[in-house]
Amino acid sequence: PGASAEAWTLHSAQKGPLRFNRGDEITVQLANQLPV
């Protein structure tokens, strides 16, 4: 409560759990905005 800290995170437009259907083909695009 009242305090936060930073961690490295995978962001996406879809919030929460990423949900897809069996049989889907997903094109993943990953942009690395970290210093490593």
PDB file of all heavy atoms in Angstrom:
ATOM      1  N   PRO A   1       0.818  -1.218   0.000  1.00  0.00           N
ATOM      2  CA  PRO A   1       0.000   0.000   0.000  1.00  0.00           C
ATOM      3  C   PRO A   1       0.847   1.261   0.000  1.00  0.00           C
ATOM      4  O   PRO A   1       1.738   1.442   0.836  1.00  0.00           O
ATOM      5  CB  PRO A   1      -0.810  -0.139   1.295  1.00  0.00           C
ATOM      6  CG  PRO A   1      -0.887  -1.610   1.537  1.00  0.00           C
ATOM      7  CD  PRO A   1       0.412  -2.173   1.059  1.00  0.00           C
ATOM      8  N   GLY A   2       0.617   2.102  -1.003  1.00  0.00           N
ATOM      9  CA  GLY A   2       1.308   3.375  -1.082  1.00  0.00           C
ATOM     10  C   GLY A   2       2.702   3.316  -1.654  1.00  0.00           C
ATOM     11  O   GLY A   2       3.399   4.336  -1.681  1.00  0.00           O
ATOM     12  N   ALA A   3       3.144   2.141  -2.126  1.00  0.00           N
ATOM     13  CA  ALA A   3       4.505   2.010  -2.662  1.00  0.00           C
ATOM     14  C   ALA A   3       4.487   1.154  -3.914  1.00  0.00           C
ATOM     15  O   ALA A   3       3.726   0.186  -4.023  1.00  0.00           O
ATOM     16  CB  ALA A   3       5.434   1.388  -1.621  1.00  0.00           C
ATOM     17  N   SER A   4       5.335   1.506  -4.876  1.00  0.00           N
ATOM     18  CA  SER A   4       5.463   0.733  -6.111  1.00  0.00           C
ATOM     19  C   SER A   4       6.938   0.518  -6.421  1.00  0.00           C
ATOM     20  O   SER A   4       7.816   1.190  -5.870  1.00  0.00           O
ATOM     21  CB  SER A   4       4.770   1.450  -7.278  1.00  0.00           C
ATOM     22  OG  SER A   4       5.402   2.695  -7.533  1.00  0.00           O
ATOM     23  N   ALA A   5       7.206  -0.441  -7.302  1.00  0.00           N
ATOM     24  CA  ALA A   5       8.570  -0.738  -7.736  1.00  0.00           C
ATOM     25  C   ALA A   5       8.520  -1.133  -9.195  1.00  0.00           C
ATOM     26  O   ALA A   5       7.474  -1.537  -9.712  1.00  0.00           O
ATOM     27  CB  ALA A   5       9.187  -1.845  -6.886  1.00  0.00           C
ATOM     28  N   GLU A   6       9.660  -1.031  -9.865  1.00  0.00           N
ATOM     29  CA  GLU A   6       9.716  -1.364 -11.282  1.00  0.00           C
ATOM     30  C   GLU A   6      10.152  -2.803 -11.491  1.00  0.00           C
ATOM     31  O   GLU A   6      10.987  -3.341 -10.760  1.00  0.00           O
ATOM     32  CB  GLU A   6      10.684  -0.429 -12.021  1.00  0.00           C
ATOM     33  CG  GLU A   6      10.097   0.917 -12.363  1.00  0.00           C
ATOM     34  CD  GLU A   6      10.934   1.647 -13.402  1.00  0.00           C
ATOM     35  OE1 GLU A   6      12.134   1.338 -13.544  1.00  0.00           O
ATOM     36  OE2 GLU A   6      10.386   2.536 -14.087  1.00  0.00           O
ATOM     37  N   ALA A   7       9.563  -3.429 -12.520  1.00  0.00           N
ATOM     38  CA  ALA A   7       9.998  -4.737 -13.010  1.00  0.00           C
ATOM     39  C   ALA A   7       9.898  -4.706 -14.524  1.00  0.00           C
ATOM     40  O   ALA A   7       9.261  -3.812 -15.108  1.00  0.00           O
ATOM     41  CB  ALA A   7       9.131  -5.849 -12.427  1.00  0.00           C
ATOM     42  N   TRP A   8      10.525  -5.665 -15.178  1.00  0.00           N
ATOM     43  CA  TRP A   8      10.440  -5.765 -16.631  1.00  0.00           C
ATOM     44  C   TRP A   8       9.216  -6.579 -16.997  1.00  0.00           C
ATOM     45  O   TRP A   8       8.982  -7.672 -16.450  1.00  0.00           O
ATOM     46  CB  TRP A   8      11.710  -6.393 -17.186  1.00  0.00           C
ATOM     47  CG  TRP A   8      12.886  -5.458 -17.054  1.00  0.00           C
ATOM     48  CD1 TRP A   8      12.839  -4.117 -16.826  1.00  0.00           C
ATOM     49  CD2 TRP A   8      14.275  -5.800 -17.131  1.00  0.00           C
ATOM     50  NE1 TRP A   8      14.095  -3.590 -16.769  1.00  0.00           N
ATOM     51  CE2 TRP A   8      15.004  -4.587 -16.955  1.00  0.00           C
ATOM     52  CE3 TRP A   8      14.963  -6.992 -17.338  1.00  0.00           C
ATOM     53  CZ2 TRP A   8      16.402  -4.556 -16.974  1.00  0.00           C
ATOM     54  CZ3 TRP A   8      16.354  -6.957 -17.361  1.00  0.00           C
ATOM     55  CH2 TRP A   8      17.062  -5.751 -17.189  1.00  0.00           C
ATOM     56  N   THR A   9       8.436  -6.058 -17.931  1.00  0.00           N
ATOM     57  CA  THR A   9       7.106  -6.588 -18.214  1.00  0.00           C
ATOM     58  C   THR A   9       6.878  -6.702 -19.717  1.00  0.00           C
ATOM     59  O   THR A   9       7.419  -5.922 -20.495  1.00  0.00           O
ATOM     60  CB  THR A   9       6.033  -5.653 -17.609  1.00  0.00           C
ATOM     61  OG1 THR A   9       6.293  -5.466 -16.229  1.00  0.00           O
ATOM     62  CG2 THR A   9       4.647  -6.239 -17.770  1.00  0.00           C
ATOM     63  N   LEU A  10       6.069  -7.679 -20.117  1.00  0.00           N
ATOM     64  CA  LEU A  10       5.619  -7.825 -21.501  1.00  0.00           C
ATOM     65  C   LEU A  10       4.272  -7.140 -21.648  1.00  0.00           C
ATOM     66  O   LEU A  10       3.259  -7.614 -21.122  1.00  0.00           O
ATOM     67  CB  LEU A  10       5.506  -9.305 -21.875  1.00  0.00           C
ATOM     68  CG  LEU A  10       6.830 -10.064 -22.046  1.00  0.00           C
ATOM     69  CD1 LEU A  10       6.584 -11.567 -22.090  1.00  0.00           C
ATOM     70  CD2 LEU A  10       7.560  -9.611 -23.299  1.00  0.00           C
ATOM     71  N   HIS A  11       4.246  -6.024 -22.355  1.00  0.00           N
ATOM     72  CA  HIS A  11       3.017  -5.261 -22.556  1.00  0.00           C
ATOM     73  C   HIS A  11       2.352  -5.680 -23.870  1.00  0.00           C
ATOM     74  O   HIS A  11       3.015  -6.061 -24.832  1.00  0.00           O
ATOM     75  CB  HIS A  11       3.319  -3.760 -22.612  1.00  0.00           C
ATOM     76  CG  HIS A  11       3.438  -3.125 -21.270  1.00  0.00           C
ATOM     77  ND1 HIS A  11       2.428  -2.402 -20.686  1.00  0.00           N
ATOM     78  CD2 HIS A  11       4.467  -3.114 -20.392  1.00  0.00           C
ATOM     79  CE1 HIS A  11       2.826  -1.956 -19.505  1.00  0.00           C
ATOM     80  NE2 HIS A  11       4.056  -2.374 -19.299  1.00  0.00           N
ATOM     81  N   SER A  12       1.032  -5.556 -23.909  1.00  0.00           N
ATOM     82  CA  SER A  12       0.261  -5.775 -25.139  1.00  0.00           C
ATOM     83  C   SER A  12      -1.027  -4.970 -25.050  1.00  0.00           C
ATOM     84  O   SER A  12      -1.422  -4.523 -23.965  1.00  0.00           O
ATOM     85  CB  SER A  12      -0.054  -7.254 -25.353  1.00  0.00           C
ATOM     86  OG  SER A  12      -1.009  -7.693 -24.403  1.00  0.00           O
ATOM     87  N   ALA A  13      -1.704  -4.819 -26.191  1.00  0.00           N
ATOM     88  CA  ALA A  13      -2.987  -4.116 -26.192  1.00  0.00           C
ATOM     89  C   ALA A  13      -4.035  -4.901 -25.414  1.00  0.00           C
ATOM     90  O   ALA A  13      -4.944  -4.327 -24.810  1.00  0.00           O
ATOM     91  CB  ALA A  13      -3.449  -3.881 -27.632  1.00  0.00           C
ATOM     92  N   GLN A  14      -3.938  -6.225 -25.434  1.00  0.00           N
ATOM     93  CA  GLN A  14      -4.857  -7.078 -24.684  1.00  0.00           C
ATOM     94  C   GLN A  14      -4.414  -7.133 -23.236  1.00  0.00           C
ATOM     95  O   GLN A  14      -3.311  -7.594 -22.925  1.00  0.00           O
ATOM     96  CB  GLN A  14      -4.883  -8.490 -25.291  1.00  0.00           C
ATOM     97  CG  GLN A  14      -5.884  -9.429 -24.619  1.00  0.00           C
ATOM     98  CD  GLN A  14      -5.916 -10.794 -25.282  1.00  0.00           C
ATOM     99  OE1 GLN A  14      -5.347 -10.992 -26.346  1.00  0.00           O
ATOM    100  NE2 GLN A  14      -6.572 -11.747 -24.651  1.00  0.00           N
ATOM    101  N   LYS A  15      -5.232  -6.665 -22.329  1.00  0.00           N
ATOM    102  CA  LYS A  15      -4.890  -6.642 -20.918  1.00  0.00           C
ATOM    103  C   LYS A  15      -5.217  -7.989 -20.265  1.00  0.00           C
ATOM    104  O   LYS A  15      -6.056  -8.748 -20.743  1.00  0.00           O
ATOM    105  CB  LYS A  15      -5.636  -5.513 -20.209  1.00  0.00           C
ATOM    106  CG  LYS A  15      -5.419  -4.132 -20.833  1.00  0.00           C
ATOM    107  CD  LYS A  15      -3.948  -3.757 -20.881  1.00  0.00           C
ATOM    108  CE  LYS A  15      -3.739  -2.388 -21.497  1.00  0.00           C
ATOM    109  NZ  LYS A  15      -2.305  -2.043 -21.636  1.00  0.00           N
ATOM    110  N   GLY A  16      -4.553  -8.238 -19.162  1.00  0.00           N
ATOM    111  CA  GLY A  16      -4.820  -9.476 -18.446  1.00  0.00           C
ATOM    112  C   GLY A  16      -4.318 -10.685 -19.208  1.00  0.00           C
ATOM    113  O   GLY A  16      -3.398 -10.587 -20.043  1.00  0.00           O
ATOM    114  N   PRO A  17      -4.894 -11.862 -18.970  1.00  0.00           N
ATOM    115  CA  PRO A  17      -4.453 -13.066 -19.676  1.00  0.00           C
ATOM    116  C   PRO A  17      -4.629 -12.936 -21.184  1.00  0.00           C
ATOM    117  O   PRO A  17      -5.645 -12.421 -21.664  1.00  0.00           O
ATOM    118  CB  PRO A  17      -5.367 -14.160 -19.100  1.00  0.00           C
ATOM    119  CG  PRO A  17      -5.863 -13.623 -17.800  1.00  0.00           C
ATOM    120  CD  PRO A  17      -5.954 -12.142 -17.985  1.00  0.00           C
ATOM    121  N   LEU A  18      -3.662 -13.397 -21.934  1.00  0.00           N
ATOM    122  CA  LEU A  18      -3.772 -13.447 -23.398  1.00  0.00           C
ATOM    123  C   LEU A  18      -4.606 -14.664 -23.745  1.00  0.00           C
ATOM    124  O   LEU A  18      -4.293 -15.780 -23.320  1.00  0.00           O
ATOM    125  CB  LEU A  18      -2.382 -13.542 -24.022  1.00  0.00           C
ATOM    126  CG  LEU A  18      -1.416 -12.399 -23.656  1.00  0.00           C
ATOM    127  CD1 LEU A  18      -0.004 -12.730 -24.125  1.00  0.00           C
ATOM    128  CD2 LEU A  18      -1.895 -11.089 -24.254  1.00  0.00           C
ATOM    129  N   ARG A  19      -5.675 -14.481 -24.507  1.00  0.00           N
ATOM    130  CA  ARG A  19      -6.594 -15.583 -24.802  1.00  0.00           C
ATOM    131  C   ARG A  19      -6.711 -15.798 -26.303  1.00  0.00           C
ATOM    132  O   ARG A  19      -6.945 -14.855 -27.056  1.00  0.00           O
ATOM    133  CB  ARG A  19      -7.977 -15.325 -24.196  1.00  0.00           C
ATOM    134  CG  ARG A  19      -7.992 -15.399 -22.673  1.00  0.00           C
ATOM    135  CD  ARG A  19      -9.400 -15.239 -22.104  1.00  0.00           C
ATOM    136  NE  ARG A  19      -9.401 -15.299 -20.655  1.00  0.00           N
ATOM    137  CZ  ARG A  19      -9.592 -16.415 -19.944  1.00  0.00           C
ATOM    138  NH1 ARG A  19      -9.808 -17.561 -20.580  1.00  0.00           N
ATOM    139  NH2 ARG A  19      -9.570 -16.390 -18.629  1.00  0.00           N
ATOM    140  N   PHE A  20      -6.562 -17.070 -26.696  1.00  0.00           N
ATOM    141  CA  PHE A  20      -6.709 -17.472 -28.088  1.00  0.00           C
ATOM    142  C   PHE A  20      -7.491 -18.779 -28.136  1.00  0.00           C
ATOM    143  O   PHE A  20      -7.858 -19.340 -27.093  1.00  0.00           O
ATOM    144  CB  PHE A  20      -5.332 -17.638 -28.748  1.00  0.00           C
ATOM    145  CG  PHE A  20      -4.509 -16.375 -28.749  1.00  0.00           C
ATOM    146  CD1 PHE A  20      -3.519 -16.169 -27.799  1.00  0.00           C
ATOM    147  CD2 PHE A  20      -4.743 -15.384 -29.686  1.00  0.00           C
ATOM    148  CE1 PHE A  20      -2.774 -14.997 -27.778  1.00  0.00           C
ATOM    149  CE2 PHE A  20      -4.003 -14.207 -29.683  1.00  0.00           C
ATOM    150  CZ  PHE A  20      -3.019 -14.021 -28.729  1.00  0.00           C
ATOM    151  N   ASN A  21      -7.767 -19.250 -29.355  1.00  0.00           N
ATOM    152  CA  ASN A  21      -8.507 -20.491 -29.546  1.00  0.00           C
ATOM    153  C   ASN A  21      -7.592 -21.562 -30.115  1.00  0.00           C
ATOM    154  O   ASN A  21      -6.641 -21.271 -30.856  1.00  0.00           O
ATOM    155  CB  ASN A  21      -9.685 -20.271 -30.495  1.00  0.00           C
ATOM    156  CG  ASN A  21     -10.691 -19.278 -29.947  1.00  0.00           C
ATOM    157  OD1 ASN A  21     -10.923 -19.218 -28.739  1.00  0.00           O
ATOM    158  ND2 ASN A  21     -11.272 -18.483 -30.829  1.00  0.00           N
ATOM    159  N   ARG A  22      -7.913 -22.783 -29.782  1.00  0.00           N
ATOM    160  CA  ARG A  22      -7.171 -23.900 -30.367  1.00  0.00           C
ATOM    161  C   ARG A  22      -7.306 -23.851 -31.888  1.00  0.00           C
ATOM    162  O   ARG A  22      -8.401 -23.689 -32.427  1.00  0.00           O
ATOM    163  CB  ARG A  22      -7.703 -25.229 -29.832  1.00  0.00           C
ATOM    164  CG  ARG A  22      -6.873 -26.423 -30.273  1.00  0.00           C
ATOM    165  CD  ARG A  22      -7.441 -27.720 -29.761  1.00  0.00           C
ATOM    166  NE  ARG A  22      -6.604 -28.843 -30.179  1.00  0.00           N
ATOM    167  CZ  ARG A  22      -6.953 -30.108 -30.103  1.00  0.00           C
ATOM    168  NH1 ARG A  22      -8.141 -30.431 -29.602  1.00  0.00           N
ATOM    169  NH2 ARG A  22      -6.134 -31.062 -30.511  1.00  0.00           N
ATOM    170  N   GLY A  23      -6.181 -23.983 -32.575  1.00  0.00           N
ATOM    171  CA  GLY A  23      -6.165 -23.907 -34.030  1.00  0.00           C
ATOM    172  C   GLY A  23      -5.725 -22.562 -34.558  1.00  0.00           C
ATOM    173  O   GLY A  23      -5.416 -22.427 -35.746  1.00  0.00           O
ATOM    174  N   ASP A  24      -5.665 -21.542 -33.694  1.00  0.00           N
ATOM    175  CA  ASP A  24      -5.237 -20.227 -34.151  1.00  0.00           C
ATOM    176  C   ASP A  24      -3.765 -20.232 -34.568  1.00  0.00           C
ATOM    177  O   ASP A  24      -2.943 -20.950 -33.980  1.00  0.00           O
ATOM    178  CB  ASP A  24      -5.423 -19.185 -33.038  1.00  0.00           C
ATOM    179  CG  ASP A  24      -6.869 -18.762 -32.854  1.00  0.00           C
ATOM    180  OD1 ASP A  24      -7.719 -19.198 -33.646  1.00  0.00           O
ATOM    181  OD2 ASP A  24      -7.150 -17.990 -31.906  1.00  0.00           O
ATOM    182  N   GLU A  25      -3.459 -19.410 -35.537  1.00  0.00           N
ATOM    183  CA  GLU A  25      -2.073 -19.120 -35.888  1.00  0.00           C
ATOM    184  C   GLU A  25      -1.797 -17.678 -35.491  1.00  0.00           C
ATOM    185  O   GLU A  25      -2.470 -16.759 -35.953  1.00  0.00           O
ATOM    186  CB  GLU A  25      -1.833 -19.307 -37.386  1.00  0.00           C
ATOM    187  CG  GLU A  25      -0.401 -18.987 -37.813  1.00  0.00           C
ATOM    188  CD  GLU A  25      -0.205 -19.137 -39.305  1.00  0.00           C
ATOM    189  OE1 GLU A  25       0.080 -20.260 -39.760  1.00  0.00           O
ATOM    190  OE2 GLU A  25      -0.342 -18.113 -40.012  1.00  0.00           O
ATOM    191  N   ILE A  26      -0.818 -17.487 -34.633  1.00  0.00           N
ATOM    192  CA  ILE A  26      -0.552 -16.167 -34.070  1.00  0.00           C
ATOM    193  C   ILE A  26       0.759 -15.635 -34.635  1.00  0.00           C
ATOM    194  O   ILE A  26       1.796 -16.302 -34.576  1.00  0.00           O
ATOM    195  CB  ILE A  26      -0.437 -16.226 -32.526  1.00  0.00           C
ATOM    196  CG1 ILE A  26      -1.628 -17.006 -31.934  1.00  0.00           C
ATOM    197  CG2 ILE A  26      -0.358 -14.825 -31.947  1.00  0.00           C
ATOM    198  CD1 ILE A  26      -2.974 -16.441 -32.259  1.00  0.00           C
ATOM    199  N   THR A  27       0.703 -14.449 -35.197  1.00  0.00           N
ATOM    200  CA  THR A  27       1.909 -13.741 -35.606  1.00  0.00           C
ATOM    201  C   THR A  27       2.360 -12.873 -34.433  1.00  0.00           C
ATOM    202  O   THR A  27       1.674 -11.926 -34.047  1.00  0.00           O
ATOM    203  CB  THR A  27       1.659 -12.860 -36.838  1.00  0.00           C
ATOM    204  OG1 THR A  27       1.250 -13.696 -37.927  1.00  0.00           O
ATOM    205  CG2 THR A  27       2.929 -12.122 -37.233  1.00  0.00           C
ATOM    206  N   VAL A  28       3.502 -13.245 -33.846  1.00  0.00           N
ATOM    207  CA  VAL A  28       4.019 -12.542 -32.672  1.00  0.00           C
ATOM    208  C   VAL A  28       5.056 -11.529 -33.124  1.00  0.00           C
ATOM    209  O   VAL A  28       5.986 -11.863 -33.877  1.00  0.00           O
ATOM    210  CB  VAL A  28       4.644 -13.529 -31.675  1.00  0.00           C
ATOM    211  CG1 VAL A  28       5.184 -12.777 -30.446  1.00  0.00           C
ATOM    212  CG2 VAL A  28       3.622 -14.568 -31.240  1.00  0.00           C
ATOM    213  N   GLN A  29       4.892 -10.302 -32.680  1.00  0.00           N
ATOM    214  CA  GLN A  29       5.871  -9.250 -32.929  1.00  0.00           C
ATOM    215  C   GLN A  29       6.351  -8.729 -31.585  1.00  0.00           C
ATOM    216  O   GLN A  29       5.550  -8.272 -30.768  1.00  0.00           O
ATOM    217  CB  GLN A  29       5.264  -8.135 -33.768  1.00  0.00           C
ATOM    218  CG  GLN A  29       4.803  -8.594 -35.150  1.00  0.00           C
ATOM    219  CD  GLN A  29       4.249  -7.454 -35.992  1.00  0.00           C
ATOM    220  OE1 GLN A  29       4.461  -6.293 -35.681  1.00  0.00           O
ATOM    221  NE2 GLN A  29       3.536  -7.795 -37.053  1.00  0.00           N
ATOM    222  N   LEU A  30       7.653  -8.828 -31.377  1.00  0.00           N
ATOM    223  CA  LEU A  30       8.246  -8.470 -30.089  1.00  0.00           C
ATOM    224  C   LEU A  30       9.194  -7.293 -30.275  1.00  0.00           C
ATOM    225  O   LEU A  30      10.125  -7.354 -31.085  1.00  0.00           O
ATOM    226  CB  LEU A  30       9.002  -9.664 -29.510  1.00  0.00           C
ATOM    227  CG  LEU A  30       9.817  -9.416 -28.240  1.00  0.00           C
ATOM    228  CD1 LEU A  30       8.911  -9.039 -27.080  1.00  0.00           C
ATOM    229  CD2 LEU A  30      10.639 -10.659 -27.885  1.00  0.00           C
ATOM    230  N   ALA A  31       8.962  -6.214 -29.536  1.00  0.00           N
ATOM    231  CA  ALA A  31       9.840  -5.041 -29.545  1.00  0.00           C
ATOM    232  C   ALA A  31      10.533  -4.958 -28.190  1.00  0.00           C
ATOM    233  O   ALA A  31       9.868  -4.899 -27.143  1.00  0.00           O
ATOM    234  CB  ALA A  31       9.042  -3.773 -29.810  1.00  0.00           C
ATOM    235  N   ASN A  32      11.847  -4.982 -28.199  1.00  0.00           N
ATOM    236  CA  ASN A  32      12.621  -4.938 -26.959  1.00  0.00           C
ATOM    237  C   ASN A  32      12.985  -3.498 -26.621  1.00  0.00           C
ATOM    238  O   ASN A  32      13.871  -2.897 -27.231  1.00  0.00           O
ATOM    239  CB  ASN A  32      13.885  -5.780 -27.089  1.00  0.00           C
ATOM    240  CG  ASN A  32      14.689  -5.804 -25.788  1.00  0.00           C
ATOM    241  OD1 ASN A  32      14.217  -5.358 -24.742  1.00  0.00           O
ATOM    242  ND2 ASN A  32      15.898  -6.319 -25.864  1.00  0.00           N
ATOM    243  N   GLN A  33      12.296  -2.936 -25.645  1.00  0.00           N
ATOM    244  CA  GLN A  33      12.553  -1.573 -25.196  1.00  0.00           C
ATOM    245  C   GLN A  33      13.358  -1.546 -23.898  1.00  0.00           C
ATOM    246  O   GLN A  33      13.406  -0.531 -23.210  1.00  0.00           O
ATOM    247  CB  GLN A  33      11.229  -0.818 -25.028  1.00  0.00           C
ATOM    248  CG  GLN A  33      10.415  -0.734 -26.318  1.00  0.00           C
ATOM    249  CD  GLN A  33       9.046  -0.099 -26.116  1.00  0.00           C
ATOM    250  OE1 GLN A  33       8.781   0.545 -25.106  1.00  0.00           O
ATOM    251  NE2 GLN A  33       8.166  -0.283 -27.091  1.00  0.00           N
ATOM    252  N   LEU A  34      14.004  -2.670 -23.597  1.00  0.00           N
ATOM    253  CA  LEU A  34      14.841  -2.767 -22.404  1.00  0.00           C
ATOM    254  C   LEU A  34      16.305  -2.505 -22.763  1.00  0.00           C
ATOM    255  O   LEU A  34      16.687  -2.607 -23.940  1.00  0.00           O
ATOM    256  CB  LEU A  34      14.690  -4.152 -21.770  1.00  0.00           C
ATOM    257  CG  LEU A  34      13.292  -4.501 -21.252  1.00  0.00           C
ATOM    258  CD1 LEU A  34      13.242  -5.948 -20.781  1.00  0.00           C
ATOM    259  CD2 LEU A  34      12.891  -3.569 -20.119  1.00  0.00           C
ATOM    260  N   PRO A  35      17.148  -2.233 -21.783  1.00  0.00           N
ATOM    261  CA  PRO A  35      18.558  -1.943 -22.070  1.00  0.00           C
ATOM    262  C   PRO A  35      19.423  -3.189 -22.250  1.00  0.00           C
ATOM    263  O   PRO A  35      20.645  -3.064 -22.410  1.00  0.00           O
ATOM    264  CB  PRO A  35      18.999  -1.149 -20.835  1.00  0.00           C
ATOM    265  CG  PRO A  35      18.123  -1.657 -19.729  1.00  0.00           C
ATOM    266  CD  PRO A  35      16.792  -1.954 -20.371  1.00  0.00           C
ATOM    267  N   VAL A  36      18.815  -4.387 -22.226  1.00  0.00           N
ATOM    268  CA  VAL A  36      19.574  -5.637 -22.330  1.00  0.00           C
ATOM    269  C   VAL A  36      18.891  -6.562 -23.336  1.00  0.00           C
ATOM    270  O   VAL A  36      17.696  -6.413 -23.620  1.00  0.00           O
ATOM    271  CB  VAL A  36      19.665  -6.346 -20.962  1.00  0.00           C
ATOM    272  CG1 VAL A  36      20.422  -5.491 -19.951  1.00  0.00           C
ATOM    273  CG2 VAL A  36      18.273  -6.694 -20.434  1.00  0.00           C
TER     274      VAL A  36
END
